Amino acid sequence: MPAPSVLLLTAIRLFLGAEALIGVVTGNGLAIFVATSALALTFLPQLVASRMRLRLPNSFLAAAAAFVLSTIYLGEMHDFYNRLWWWDLVLHGSSAMGFGILGFLLIFMLFEGDRYAAPPWAIGVLSFCVAMTVGALWEVFEYGMDQIFGLNMQKSGLDDTMSDIMVNALGAAIAGLAGAAYLKGRASGLGAAFDHFVSENRTRFRKLIARGRPQG
């Protein structure tokens, strides 16, 4: 039986494909555009990773697809951002955590998995900075879209921007702390995800593998 992450990823893609077909049948151009765009974005992480000669675990791909579904399709198409006051905050926090995890893994990869190449706290701080930079750039993007195209991505303006940044900081801090704990050999909720990524890209983490971790 396929892993739960594979089932989730497949279900999201089938759902978006079905929604696009329904849009064709009903003549709903907006539904077609949103569903097909979201569906295409579920394949983007895998495409980018292959260009970088990396292998993303299915759990990472499923999480990315769920994020795309939640933001573009449910958030924008079905107006979850306005229906649920906490929707935007949860997505900002989870995306910051995701980018913090990705930042940690890419930085750790540059050292070929050498735990002693830099202090754990330093790599944790760098991971935090990666996530915060992405979050800040997104806020700039939202502001630009509102100013240029007259959209309302910032919702309540400054209050929305600042609450997003604060939630971003929380998610980024969790990822940075988890990365630092991983380097110190301490168990954390994200340790399994780190091990999974390393096991899928062993040649990029030679020094860590040489010391016997992870097993797979």
N, C-alpha and C. Protein backbone atom coordinates (compact mmCIF):
# COMPACT_ATOMS: atom_id res chain seq x y z
N MET A 1 0.85 -1.20 0.00
CA MET A 1 0.00 0.00 0.00
C MET A 1 0.88 1.24 0.00
N PRO A 2 0.54 2.23 -0.85
CA PRO A 2 1.37 3.46 -0.90
C PRO A 2 1.38 4.18 0.44
N ALA A 3 2.45 4.92 0.67
CA ALA A 3 2.59 5.68 1.91
C ALA A 3 1.50 6.76 1.97
N PRO A 4 1.11 7.18 3.18
CA PRO A 4 0.08 8.23 3.32
C PRO A 4 0.43 9.51 2.56
N SER A 5 1.71 9.87 2.55
CA SER A 5 2.10 11.10 1.84
C SER A 5 1.87 10.97 0.34
N VAL A 6 2.10 9.77 -0.21
CA VAL A 6 1.87 9.54 -1.65
C VAL A 6 0.37 9.62 -1.94
N LEU A 7 -0.44 9.02 -1.06
CA LEU A 7 -1.89 9.06 -1.23
C LEU A 7 -2.41 10.49 -1.17
N LEU A 8 -1.89 11.27 -0.22
CA LEU A 8 -2.32 12.66 -0.09
C LEU A 8 -1.94 13.46 -1.32
N LEU A 9 -0.71 13.31 -1.78
CA LEU A 9 -0.25 14.04 -2.96
C LEU A 9 -1.09 13.69 -4.18
N THR A 10 -1.35 12.40 -4.37
CA THR A 10 -2.16 11.96 -5.51
C THR A 10 -3.58 12.48 -5.42
N ALA A 11 -4.15 12.45 -4.20
CA ALA A 11 -5.53 12.92 -4.01
C ALA A 11 -5.65 14.41 -4.33
N ILE A 12 -4.68 15.20 -3.90
CA ILE A 12 -4.73 16.64 -4.17
C ILE A 12 -4.65 16.91 -5.67
N ARG A 13 -3.77 16.21 -6.35
CA ARG A 13 -3.63 16.41 -7.80
C ARG A 13 -4.88 15.97 -8.55
N LEU A 14 -5.46 14.84 -8.15
CA LEU A 14 -6.69 14.37 -8.79
C LEU A 14 -7.85 15.34 -8.54
N PHE A 15 -7.92 15.86 -7.32
CA PHE A 15 -8.98 16.82 -6.99
C PHE A 15 -8.86 18.07 -7.85
N LEU A 16 -7.66 18.62 -7.94
CA LEU A 16 -7.47 19.84 -8.74
C LEU A 16 -7.74 19.57 -10.22
N GLY A 17 -7.32 18.40 -10.70
CA GLY A 17 -7.60 18.05 -12.09
C GLY A 17 -9.09 17.93 -12.35
N ALA A 18 -9.81 17.33 -11.39
CA ALA A 18 -11.27 17.19 -11.53
C ALA A 18 -11.95 18.55 -11.51
N GLU A 19 -11.47 19.45 -10.65
CA GLU A 19 -12.04 20.79 -10.58
C GLU A 19 -11.83 21.55 -11.88
N ALA A 20 -10.67 21.36 -12.50
CA ALA A 20 -10.40 22.01 -13.78
C ALA A 20 -11.36 21.47 -14.85
N LEU A 21 -11.60 20.16 -14.86
CA LEU A 21 -12.52 19.57 -15.84
C LEU A 21 -13.95 20.05 -15.62
N ILE A 22 -14.35 20.16 -14.36
CA ILE A 22 -15.68 20.69 -14.05
C ILE A 22 -15.81 22.12 -14.55
N GLY A 23 -14.73 22.88 -14.41
CA GLY A 23 -14.73 24.24 -14.91
C GLY A 23 -14.90 24.30 -16.42
N VAL A 24 -14.30 23.35 -17.12
CA VAL A 24 -14.45 23.28 -18.58
C VAL A 24 -15.90 22.97 -18.95
N VAL A 25 -16.48 22.00 -18.24
CA VAL A 25 -17.86 21.59 -18.53
C VAL A 25 -18.85 22.72 -18.26
N THR A 26 -18.63 23.43 -17.14
CA THR A 26 -19.56 24.51 -16.76
C THR A 26 -19.22 25.85 -17.39
N GLY A 27 -18.07 25.91 -18.07
CA GLY A 27 -17.67 27.16 -18.70
C GLY A 27 -17.19 28.21 -17.73
N ASN A 28 -16.67 27.77 -16.60
CA ASN A 28 -16.17 28.69 -15.57
C ASN A 28 -14.67 28.92 -15.79
N GLY A 29 -14.35 30.01 -16.44
CA GLY A 29 -12.97 30.30 -16.78
C GLY A 29 -12.08 30.50 -15.58
N LEU A 30 -12.61 31.15 -14.53
CA LEU A 30 -11.81 31.39 -13.33
C LEU A 30 -11.44 30.07 -12.65
N ALA A 31 -12.42 29.16 -12.57
CA ALA A 31 -12.16 27.86 -11.95
C ALA A 31 -11.10 27.09 -12.73
N ILE A 32 -11.18 27.17 -14.04
CA ILE A 32 -10.19 26.48 -14.89
C ILE A 32 -8.80 27.03 -14.63
N PHE A 33 -8.69 28.35 -14.60
CA PHE A 33 -7.38 28.99 -14.43
C PHE A 33 -6.80 28.68 -13.05
N VAL A 34 -7.60 28.83 -12.00
CA VAL A 34 -7.10 28.62 -10.64
C VAL A 34 -6.72 27.16 -10.42
N ALA A 35 -7.59 26.23 -10.85
CA ALA A 35 -7.33 24.81 -10.63
C ALA A 35 -6.11 24.33 -11.41
N THR A 36 -5.99 24.74 -12.67
CA THR A 36 -4.84 24.30 -13.48
C THR A 36 -3.54 24.94 -12.98
N SER A 37 -3.62 26.19 -12.54
CA SER A 37 -2.43 26.84 -12.00
C SER A 37 -1.96 26.14 -10.73
N ALA A 38 -2.91 25.83 -9.85
CA ALA A 38 -2.58 25.14 -8.61
C ALA A 38 -2.02 23.75 -8.90
N LEU A 39 -2.64 23.06 -9.85
CA LEU A 39 -2.16 21.72 -10.22
C LEU A 39 -0.73 21.78 -10.75
N ALA A 40 -0.45 22.76 -11.60
CA ALA A 40 0.91 22.90 -12.14
C ALA A 40 1.92 23.18 -11.03
N LEU A 41 1.51 23.98 -10.04
CA LEU A 41 2.42 24.32 -8.95
C LEU A 41 2.74 23.12 -8.05
N THR A 42 1.86 22.11 -8.03
CA THR A 42 2.16 20.92 -7.22
C THR A 42 3.32 20.13 -7.81
N PHE A 43 3.60 20.34 -9.10
CA PHE A 43 4.72 19.65 -9.74
C PHE A 43 6.01 20.48 -9.72
N LEU A 44 5.88 21.77 -9.39
CA LEU A 44 7.03 22.68 -9.46
C LEU A 44 8.17 22.30 -8.51
N PRO A 45 7.90 21.98 -7.22
CA PRO A 45 9.03 21.63 -6.34
C PRO A 45 9.86 20.46 -6.85
N GLN A 46 9.18 19.45 -7.38
CA GLN A 46 9.89 18.29 -7.90
C GLN A 46 10.74 18.67 -9.11
N LEU A 47 10.21 19.55 -9.95
CA LEU A 47 10.94 19.99 -11.14
C LEU A 47 12.17 20.79 -10.75
N VAL A 48 12.00 21.72 -9.81
CA VAL A 48 13.14 22.54 -9.36
C VAL A 48 14.20 21.66 -8.70
N ALA A 49 13.76 20.72 -7.88
CA ALA A 49 14.69 19.83 -7.19
C ALA A 49 15.49 18.99 -8.18
N SER A 50 14.83 18.50 -9.22
CA SER A 50 15.53 17.69 -10.22
C SER A 50 16.58 18.50 -10.96
N ARG A 51 16.29 19.78 -11.17
CA ARG A 51 17.27 20.66 -11.81
C ARG A 51 18.50 20.83 -10.93
N MET A 52 18.28 20.78 -9.62
CA MET A 52 19.38 20.92 -8.67
C MET A 52 19.99 19.56 -8.30
N ARG A 53 19.49 18.52 -8.96
CA ARG A 53 19.94 17.15 -8.71
C ARG A 53 19.71 16.74 -7.26
N LEU A 54 18.52 17.10 -6.79
CA LEU A 54 18.10 16.73 -5.45
C LEU A 54 16.85 15.86 -5.55
N ARG A 55 16.63 15.04 -4.53
CA ARG A 55 15.43 14.24 -4.44
C ARG A 55 14.64 14.68 -3.22
N LEU A 56 13.41 15.11 -3.47
CA LEU A 56 12.55 15.53 -2.36
C LEU A 56 11.72 14.33 -1.89
N PRO A 57 11.70 14.07 -0.60
CA PRO A 57 10.84 13.00 -0.07
C PRO A 57 9.38 13.28 -0.40
N ASN A 58 8.60 12.22 -0.51
CA ASN A 58 7.18 12.39 -0.82
C ASN A 58 6.46 13.21 0.24
N SER A 59 6.92 13.13 1.48
CA SER A 59 6.30 13.93 2.54
C SER A 59 6.47 15.42 2.28
N PHE A 60 7.63 15.82 1.74
CA PHE A 60 7.87 17.22 1.39
C PHE A 60 6.95 17.64 0.24
N LEU A 61 6.84 16.77 -0.77
CA LEU A 61 6.00 17.09 -1.93
C LEU A 61 4.53 17.19 -1.53
N ALA A 62 4.09 16.29 -0.64
CA ALA A 62 2.69 16.33 -0.19
C ALA A 62 2.41 17.60 0.60
N ALA A 63 3.36 18.00 1.45
CA ALA A 63 3.19 19.22 2.23
C ALA A 63 3.12 20.45 1.31
N ALA A 64 3.95 20.47 0.28
CA ALA A 64 3.94 21.59 -0.67
C ALA A 64 2.61 21.63 -1.43
N ALA A 65 2.11 20.47 -1.84
CA ALA A 65 0.84 20.41 -2.56
C ALA A 65 -0.31 20.85 -1.68
N ALA A 66 -0.29 20.44 -0.40
CA ALA A 66 -1.34 20.85 0.54
C ALA A 66 -1.31 22.36 0.75
N PHE A 67 -0.10 22.93 0.76
CA PHE A 67 0.02 24.38 0.93
C PHE A 67 -0.55 25.11 -0.29
N VAL A 68 -0.25 24.60 -1.48
CA VAL A 68 -0.78 25.20 -2.71
C VAL A 68 -2.30 25.14 -2.71
N LEU A 69 -2.85 23.99 -2.35
CA LEU A 69 -4.30 23.82 -2.29
C LEU A 69 -4.92 24.80 -1.30
N SER A 70 -4.27 24.97 -0.16
CA SER A 70 -4.82 25.81 0.90
C SER A 70 -4.76 27.30 0.56
N THR A 71 -3.69 27.70 -0.14
CA THR A 71 -3.51 29.12 -0.44
C THR A 71 -4.26 29.55 -1.70
N ILE A 72 -3.92 28.92 -2.81
CA ILE A 72 -4.46 29.37 -4.09
C ILE A 72 -5.90 28.94 -4.30
N TYR A 73 -6.19 27.65 -4.05
CA TYR A 73 -7.53 27.17 -4.35
C TYR A 73 -8.53 27.52 -3.24
N LEU A 74 -8.25 27.07 -2.01
CA LEU A 74 -9.19 27.34 -0.92
C LEU A 74 -9.12 28.79 -0.47
N GLY A 75 -7.92 29.33 -0.36
CA GLY A 75 -7.77 30.69 0.13
C GLY A 75 -8.33 31.74 -0.80
N GLU A 76 -7.94 31.68 -2.07
CA GLU A 76 -8.35 32.69 -3.04
C GLU A 76 -9.66 32.33 -3.74
N MET A 77 -9.75 31.12 -4.26
CA MET A 77 -10.93 30.73 -5.03
C MET A 77 -12.18 30.65 -4.17
N HIS A 78 -12.05 30.09 -2.97
CA HIS A 78 -13.21 29.91 -2.09
C HIS A 78 -13.20 30.85 -0.89
N ASP A 79 -12.33 31.85 -0.95
CA ASP A 79 -12.35 32.96 0.01
C ASP A 79 -12.18 32.54 1.46
N PHE A 80 -11.34 31.51 1.70
CA PHE A 80 -11.11 31.08 3.08
C PHE A 80 -10.39 32.15 3.89
N TYR A 81 -9.66 33.03 3.21
CA TYR A 81 -8.95 34.08 3.94
C TYR A 81 -9.93 34.99 4.68
N ASN A 82 -11.09 35.22 4.08
CA ASN A 82 -12.09 36.07 4.72
C ASN A 82 -13.08 35.27 5.57
N ARG A 83 -13.31 34.03 5.20
CA ARG A 83 -14.23 33.20 5.96
C ARG A 83 -13.66 32.80 7.31
N LEU A 84 -12.37 32.51 7.34
CA LEU A 84 -11.71 32.06 8.57
C LEU A 84 -10.59 33.04 8.92
N TRP A 85 -10.75 33.74 10.02
CA TRP A 85 -9.79 34.79 10.35
C TRP A 85 -8.38 34.25 10.56
N TRP A 86 -8.27 33.00 10.99
CA TRP A 86 -6.97 32.42 11.31
C TRP A 86 -6.29 31.74 10.12
N TRP A 87 -6.98 31.65 8.99
CA TRP A 87 -6.45 30.92 7.84
C TRP A 87 -5.12 31.49 7.37
N ASP A 88 -5.06 32.78 7.20
CA ASP A 88 -3.84 33.44 6.70
C ASP A 88 -2.69 33.28 7.68
N LEU A 89 -2.98 33.38 8.98
CA LEU A 89 -1.93 33.27 9.98
C LEU A 89 -1.34 31.87 10.02
N VAL A 90 -2.19 30.86 9.94
CA VAL A 90 -1.71 29.48 9.95
C VAL A 90 -0.83 29.20 8.74
N LEU A 91 -1.26 29.69 7.58
CA LEU A 91 -0.49 29.44 6.36
C LEU A 91 0.85 30.18 6.39
N HIS A 92 0.85 31.38 6.92
CA HIS A 92 2.12 32.11 7.03
C HIS A 92 3.07 31.42 7.99
N GLY A 93 2.55 30.95 9.11
CA GLY A 93 3.40 30.26 10.06
C GLY A 93 3.95 28.95 9.51
N SER A 94 3.11 28.19 8.85
CA SER A 94 3.55 26.91 8.29
C SER A 94 4.53 27.10 7.14
N SER A 95 4.29 28.13 6.32
CA SER A 95 5.22 28.37 5.20
C SER A 95 6.57 28.83 5.73
N ALA A 96 6.57 29.66 6.78
CA ALA A 96 7.84 30.11 7.37
C ALA A 96 8.60 28.91 7.93
N MET A 97 7.89 27.99 8.57
CA MET A 97 8.53 26.79 9.09
C MET A 97 9.10 25.96 7.95
N GLY A 98 8.33 25.85 6.86
CA GLY A 98 8.80 25.09 5.71
C GLY A 98 10.05 25.68 5.09
N PHE A 99 10.06 27.00 4.90
CA PHE A 99 11.24 27.64 4.32
C PHE A 99 12.42 27.60 5.28
N GLY A 100 12.14 27.64 6.59
CA GLY A 100 13.21 27.50 7.57
C GLY A 100 13.84 26.12 7.51
N ILE A 101 13.01 25.09 7.38
CA ILE A 101 13.51 23.72 7.23
C ILE A 101 14.33 23.58 5.97
N LEU A 102 13.80 24.12 4.87
CA LEU A 102 14.52 24.04 3.59
C LEU A 102 15.83 24.79 3.68
N GLY A 103 15.82 25.98 4.31
CA GLY A 103 17.05 26.75 4.46
C GLY A 103 18.08 25.99 5.27
N PHE A 104 17.64 25.36 6.36
CA PHE A 104 18.56 24.57 7.19
C PHE A 104 19.19 23.44 6.38
N LEU A 105 18.38 22.71 5.63
CA LEU A 105 18.88 21.56 4.87
C LEU A 105 19.86 21.99 3.78
N LEU A 106 19.57 23.10 3.12
CA LEU A 106 20.46 23.57 2.06
C LEU A 106 21.79 24.07 2.65
N ILE A 107 21.72 24.76 3.78
CA ILE A 107 22.96 25.22 4.43
C ILE A 107 23.77 24.03 4.92
N PHE A 108 23.09 23.07 5.54
CA PHE A 108 23.75 21.86 6.03
C PHE A 108 24.36 21.08 4.87
N MET A 109 23.70 21.12 3.73
CA MET A 109 24.18 20.42 2.55
C MET A 109 25.48 21.05 2.03
N LEU A 110 25.60 22.36 2.16
CA LEU A 110 26.82 23.04 1.71
C LEU A 110 28.04 22.54 2.48
N PHE A 111 27.83 22.12 3.72
CA PHE A 111 28.91 21.58 4.55
C PHE A 111 29.03 20.06 4.41
N GLU A 112 28.30 19.49 3.43
CA GLU A 112 28.29 18.04 3.18
C GLU A 112 27.90 17.25 4.42
N GLY A 113 27.05 17.86 5.25
CA GLY A 113 26.59 17.16 6.44
C GLY A 113 27.56 17.16 7.60
N ASP A 114 28.54 18.06 7.57
CA ASP A 114 29.51 18.13 8.67
C ASP A 114 28.90 18.89 9.84
N ARG A 115 28.61 18.17 10.93
CA ARG A 115 27.99 18.78 12.10
C ARG A 115 28.89 19.81 12.77
N TYR A 116 30.18 19.71 12.53
CA TYR A 116 31.14 20.54 13.26
C TYR A 116 31.72 21.67 12.40
N ALA A 117 31.13 21.89 11.23
CA ALA A 117 31.64 22.94 10.34
C ALA A 117 31.30 24.33 10.87
N ALA A 118 30.22 24.43 11.62
CA ALA A 118 29.80 25.71 12.20
C ALA A 118 29.00 25.41 13.46
N PRO A 119 28.94 26.34 14.40
CA PRO A 119 28.15 26.12 15.62
C PRO A 119 26.69 25.89 15.27
N PRO A 120 26.01 24.96 15.93
CA PRO A 120 24.60 24.71 15.65
C PRO A 120 23.73 25.95 15.72
N TRP A 121 24.03 26.82 16.71
CA TRP A 121 23.21 28.03 16.84
C TRP A 121 23.34 28.93 15.62
N ALA A 122 24.55 28.95 15.01
CA ALA A 122 24.78 29.80 13.85
C ALA A 122 23.97 29.32 12.65
N ILE A 123 23.95 28.02 12.42
CA ILE A 123 23.17 27.47 11.31
C ILE A 123 21.68 27.65 11.59
N GLY A 124 21.29 27.53 12.86
CA GLY A 124 19.90 27.77 13.22
C GLY A 124 19.49 29.21 12.93
N VAL A 125 20.36 30.15 13.23
CA VAL A 125 20.08 31.56 12.96
C VAL A 125 20.00 31.82 11.46
N LEU A 126 20.89 31.21 10.69
CA LEU A 126 20.85 31.36 9.24
C LEU A 126 19.56 30.80 8.66
N SER A 127 19.11 29.67 9.20
CA SER A 127 17.85 29.08 8.76
C SER A 127 16.69 30.04 9.04
N PHE A 128 16.72 30.62 10.24
CA PHE A 128 15.71 31.62 10.62
C PHE A 128 15.72 32.79 9.64
N CYS A 129 16.91 33.26 9.28
CA CYS A 129 17.05 34.40 8.38
C CYS A 129 16.52 34.09 6.98
N VAL A 130 16.74 32.86 6.51
CA VAL A 130 16.23 32.46 5.20
C VAL A 130 14.71 32.56 5.18
N ALA A 131 14.08 31.97 6.20
CA ALA A 131 12.62 31.99 6.26
C ALA A 131 12.07 33.41 6.39
N MET A 132 12.72 34.24 7.20
CA MET A 132 12.25 35.62 7.38
C MET A 132 12.42 36.44 6.10
N THR A 133 13.49 36.18 5.37
CA THR A 133 13.71 36.89 4.11
C THR A 133 12.62 36.56 3.11
N VAL A 134 12.30 35.28 2.99
CA VAL A 134 11.23 34.88 2.07
C VAL A 134 9.90 35.51 2.49
N GLY A 135 9.62 35.49 3.81
CA GLY A 135 8.39 36.09 4.30
C GLY A 135 8.32 37.58 4.03
N ALA A 136 9.43 38.28 4.22
CA ALA A 136 9.46 39.73 3.97
C ALA A 136 9.27 40.04 2.49
N LEU A 137 9.90 39.25 1.63
CA LEU A 137 9.74 39.45 0.18
C LEU A 137 8.30 39.22 -0.25
N TRP A 138 7.64 38.25 0.40
CA TRP A 138 6.24 38.01 0.08
C TRP A 138 5.37 39.21 0.47
N GLU A 139 5.68 39.83 1.60
CA GLU A 139 4.92 41.01 2.02
C GLU A 139 5.14 42.16 1.03
N VAL A 140 6.35 42.29 0.52
CA VAL A 140 6.64 43.30 -0.50
C VAL A 140 5.83 43.00 -1.76
N PHE A 141 5.76 41.71 -2.12
CA PHE A 141 4.96 41.29 -3.28
C PHE A 141 3.50 41.65 -3.09
N GLU A 142 2.94 41.36 -1.91
CA GLU A 142 1.55 41.69 -1.63
C GLU A 142 1.31 43.20 -1.76
N TYR A 143 2.21 43.98 -1.20
CA TYR A 143 2.07 45.44 -1.28
C TYR A 143 2.11 45.91 -2.74
N GLY A 144 3.05 45.36 -3.50
CA GLY A 144 3.17 45.75 -4.90
C GLY A 144 1.92 45.40 -5.70
N MET A 145 1.37 44.20 -5.48
CA MET A 145 0.16 43.79 -6.20
C MET A 145 -1.02 44.68 -5.84
N ASP A 146 -1.12 45.06 -4.58
CA ASP A 146 -2.22 45.94 -4.16
C ASP A 146 -2.08 47.32 -4.80
N GLN A 147 -0.85 47.84 -4.84
CA GLN A 147 -0.63 49.18 -5.37
C GLN A 147 -0.76 49.24 -6.88
N ILE A 148 -0.25 48.21 -7.55
CA ILE A 148 -0.22 48.24 -9.03
C ILE A 148 -1.55 47.80 -9.64
N PHE A 149 -2.13 46.72 -9.09
CA PHE A 149 -3.32 46.14 -9.70
C PHE A 149 -4.60 46.38 -8.89
N GLY A 150 -4.48 47.11 -7.79
CA GLY A 150 -5.67 47.41 -7.02
C GLY A 150 -6.28 46.23 -6.30
N LEU A 151 -5.46 45.23 -5.97
CA LEU A 151 -5.95 44.06 -5.25
C LEU A 151 -6.03 44.35 -3.75
N ASN A 152 -6.41 43.35 -2.99
CA ASN A 152 -6.50 43.52 -1.54
C ASN A 152 -5.80 42.36 -0.84
N MET A 153 -4.55 42.08 -1.24
CA MET A 153 -3.82 40.97 -0.66
C MET A 153 -3.40 41.27 0.78
N GLN A 154 -3.24 42.55 1.12
CA GLN A 154 -2.83 42.91 2.47
C GLN A 154 -4.01 42.99 3.44
N LYS A 155 -5.21 42.80 2.92
CA LYS A 155 -6.42 42.81 3.74
C LYS A 155 -6.51 44.08 4.59
N SER A 156 -6.10 44.06 5.84
CA SER A 156 -6.23 45.22 6.73
C SER A 156 -4.99 46.11 6.73
N GLY A 157 -4.16 46.01 5.71
CA GLY A 157 -3.02 46.90 5.58
C GLY A 157 -1.89 46.59 6.55
N LEU A 158 -1.48 47.59 7.30
CA LEU A 158 -0.32 47.46 8.20
C LEU A 158 -0.55 46.38 9.25
N ASP A 159 -1.76 46.30 9.79
CA ASP A 159 -2.04 45.28 10.81
C ASP A 159 -1.84 43.88 10.24
N ASP A 160 -2.29 43.67 9.01
CA ASP A 160 -2.14 42.36 8.37
C ASP A 160 -0.67 42.05 8.13
N THR A 161 0.08 43.05 7.65
CA THR A 161 1.50 42.85 7.37
C THR A 161 2.28 42.51 8.63
N MET A 162 2.04 43.25 9.70
CA MET A 162 2.78 43.02 10.93
C MET A 162 2.41 41.70 11.59
N SER A 163 1.14 41.33 11.55
CA SER A 163 0.75 40.03 12.12
C SER A 163 1.36 38.90 11.32
N ASP A 164 1.43 39.06 9.99
CA ASP A 164 2.06 38.04 9.15
C ASP A 164 3.54 37.90 9.49
N ILE A 165 4.22 39.03 9.66
CA ILE A 165 5.65 39.00 9.96
C ILE A 165 5.90 38.35 11.32
N MET A 166 5.06 38.64 12.30
CA MET A 166 5.24 38.04 13.62
C MET A 166 5.01 36.53 13.59
N VAL A 167 4.01 36.10 12.85
CA VAL A 167 3.77 34.66 12.72
C VAL A 167 4.90 34.00 11.92
N ASN A 168 5.40 34.71 10.91
CA ASN A 168 6.56 34.21 10.17
C ASN A 168 7.74 33.99 11.10
N ALA A 169 7.96 34.95 11.99
CA ALA A 169 9.08 34.85 12.92
C ALA A 169 8.93 33.63 13.83
N LEU A 170 7.71 33.35 14.26
CA LEU A 170 7.47 32.19 15.12
C LEU A 170 7.77 30.89 14.37
N GLY A 171 7.23 30.77 13.15
CA GLY A 171 7.49 29.56 12.36
C GLY A 171 8.95 29.39 12.02
N ALA A 172 9.62 30.50 11.67
CA ALA A 172 11.04 30.45 11.34
C ALA A 172 11.87 30.07 12.56
N ALA A 173 11.48 30.58 13.74
CA ALA A 173 12.21 30.26 14.96
C ALA A 173 12.09 28.77 15.31
N ILE A 174 10.90 28.21 15.12
CA ILE A 174 10.71 26.78 15.39
C ILE A 174 11.61 25.94 14.49
N ALA A 175 11.67 26.30 13.21
CA ALA A 175 12.52 25.57 12.27
C ALA A 175 13.99 25.72 12.62
N GLY A 176 14.41 26.95 12.98
CA GLY A 176 15.80 27.18 13.33
C GLY A 176 16.21 26.42 14.58
N LEU A 177 15.34 26.41 15.59
CA LEU A 177 15.63 25.67 16.83
C LEU A 177 15.68 24.17 16.57
N ALA A 178 14.78 23.68 15.72
CA ALA A 178 14.78 22.25 15.39
C ALA A 178 16.06 21.87 14.66
N GLY A 179 16.53 22.75 13.76
CA GLY A 179 17.77 22.47 13.05
C GLY A 179 18.96 22.45 13.99
N ALA A 180 19.02 23.41 14.92
CA ALA A 180 20.12 23.45 15.88
C ALA A 180 20.10 22.22 16.78
N ALA A 181 18.90 21.80 17.20
CA ALA A 181 18.77 20.60 18.04
C ALA A 181 19.23 19.36 17.28
N TYR A 182 18.91 19.32 15.99
CA TYR A 182 19.32 18.18 15.16
C TYR A 182 20.84 18.08 15.09
N LEU A 183 21.50 19.22 14.92
CA LEU A 183 22.96 19.24 14.84
C LEU A 183 23.60 18.81 16.15
N LYS A 184 22.91 19.07 17.25
CA LYS A 184 23.43 18.67 18.57
C LYS A 184 23.10 17.22 18.91
N GLY A 185 22.39 16.55 17.99
CA GLY A 185 22.03 15.16 18.22
C GLY A 185 20.86 14.97 19.14
N ARG A 186 20.08 16.04 19.34
CA ARG A 186 18.94 15.95 20.23
C ARG A 186 17.67 15.66 19.41
N ALA A 187 16.80 14.88 20.00
CA ALA A 187 15.54 14.53 19.32
C ALA A 187 14.65 15.76 19.21
N SER A 188 13.99 15.90 18.07
CA SER A 188 13.01 16.97 17.87
C SER A 188 11.92 16.45 16.94
N GLY A 189 10.81 17.16 16.92
CA GLY A 189 9.71 16.71 16.08
C GLY A 189 10.03 16.68 14.61
N LEU A 190 11.02 17.47 14.19
CA LEU A 190 11.38 17.54 12.78
C LEU A 190 12.59 16.68 12.45
N GLY A 191 13.15 16.00 13.45
CA GLY A 191 14.34 15.19 13.21
C GLY A 191 14.13 14.12 12.16
N ALA A 192 12.96 13.48 12.17
CA ALA A 192 12.66 12.43 11.20
C ALA A 192 12.62 13.00 9.78
N ALA A 193 12.06 14.21 9.64
CA ALA A 193 12.01 14.85 8.32
C ALA A 193 13.42 15.16 7.82
N PHE A 194 14.29 15.63 8.71
CA PHE A 194 15.67 15.90 8.32
C PHE A 194 16.37 14.61 7.88
N ASP A 195 16.20 13.55 8.68
CA ASP A 195 16.82 12.27 8.34
C ASP A 195 16.32 11.75 7.00
N HIS A 196 15.04 11.93 6.75
CA HIS A 196 14.44 11.45 5.49
C HIS A 196 15.05 12.17 4.30
N PHE A 197 15.20 13.47 4.41
CA PHE A 197 15.80 14.24 3.31
C PHE A 197 17.24 13.82 3.08
N VAL A 198 17.99 13.64 4.16
CA VAL A 198 19.39 13.23 4.05
C VAL A 198 19.50 11.87 3.40
N SER A 199 18.63 10.94 3.79
CA SER A 199 18.69 9.59 3.24
C SER A 199 18.37 9.57 1.75
N GLU A 200 17.57 10.54 1.28
CA GLU A 200 17.24 10.63 -0.14
C GLU A 200 18.34 11.31 -0.95
N ASN A 201 19.26 11.98 -0.26
CA ASN A 201 20.34 12.72 -0.94
C ASN A 201 21.67 12.43 -0.27
N ARG A 202 21.99 11.16 -0.15
CA ARG A 202 23.18 10.73 0.60
C ARG A 202 24.47 11.32 0.06
N THR A 203 24.58 11.45 -1.25
CA THR A 203 25.84 11.96 -1.82
C THR A 203 26.10 13.41 -1.44
N ARG A 204 25.05 14.14 -1.04
CA ARG A 204 25.22 15.55 -0.65
C ARG A 204 25.57 15.70 0.84
N PHE A 205 25.50 14.58 1.59
CA PHE A 205 25.76 14.62 3.02
C PHE A 205 26.79 13.55 3.39
N ARG A 206 27.88 13.54 2.64
CA ARG A 206 28.89 12.47 2.80
C ARG A 206 29.44 12.40 4.22
N LYS A 207 29.72 13.54 4.81
CA LYS A 207 30.36 13.55 6.13
C LYS A 207 29.40 13.05 7.21
N LEU A 208 28.12 13.35 7.06
CA LEU A 208 27.14 12.86 8.03
C LEU A 208 26.95 11.35 7.88
N ILE A 209 26.83 10.90 6.62
CA ILE A 209 26.65 9.46 6.36
C ILE A 209 27.86 8.68 6.85
N ALA A 210 29.06 9.25 6.68
CA ALA A 210 30.28 8.55 7.11
C ALA A 210 30.28 8.28 8.60
N ARG A 211 29.55 9.11 9.36
CA ARG A 211 29.50 8.93 10.81
C ARG A 211 28.33 8.05 11.23
N GLY A 212 27.63 7.50 10.23
CA GLY A 212 26.61 6.51 10.53
C GLY A 212 25.20 7.01 10.73
N ARG A 213 24.88 8.22 10.21
CA ARG A 213 23.52 8.73 10.34
C ARG A 213 23.16 9.47 9.07
N PRO A 214 21.92 9.32 8.60
CA PRO A 214 20.86 8.48 9.10
C PRO A 214 20.92 7.09 8.47
N GLN A 215 20.10 6.18 8.95
CA GLN A 215 20.09 4.83 8.41
C GLN A 215 19.14 4.69 7.22
N GLY A 216 18.20 5.60 7.09
CA GLY A 216 17.28 5.52 5.96
C GLY A 216 15.87 5.93 6.32
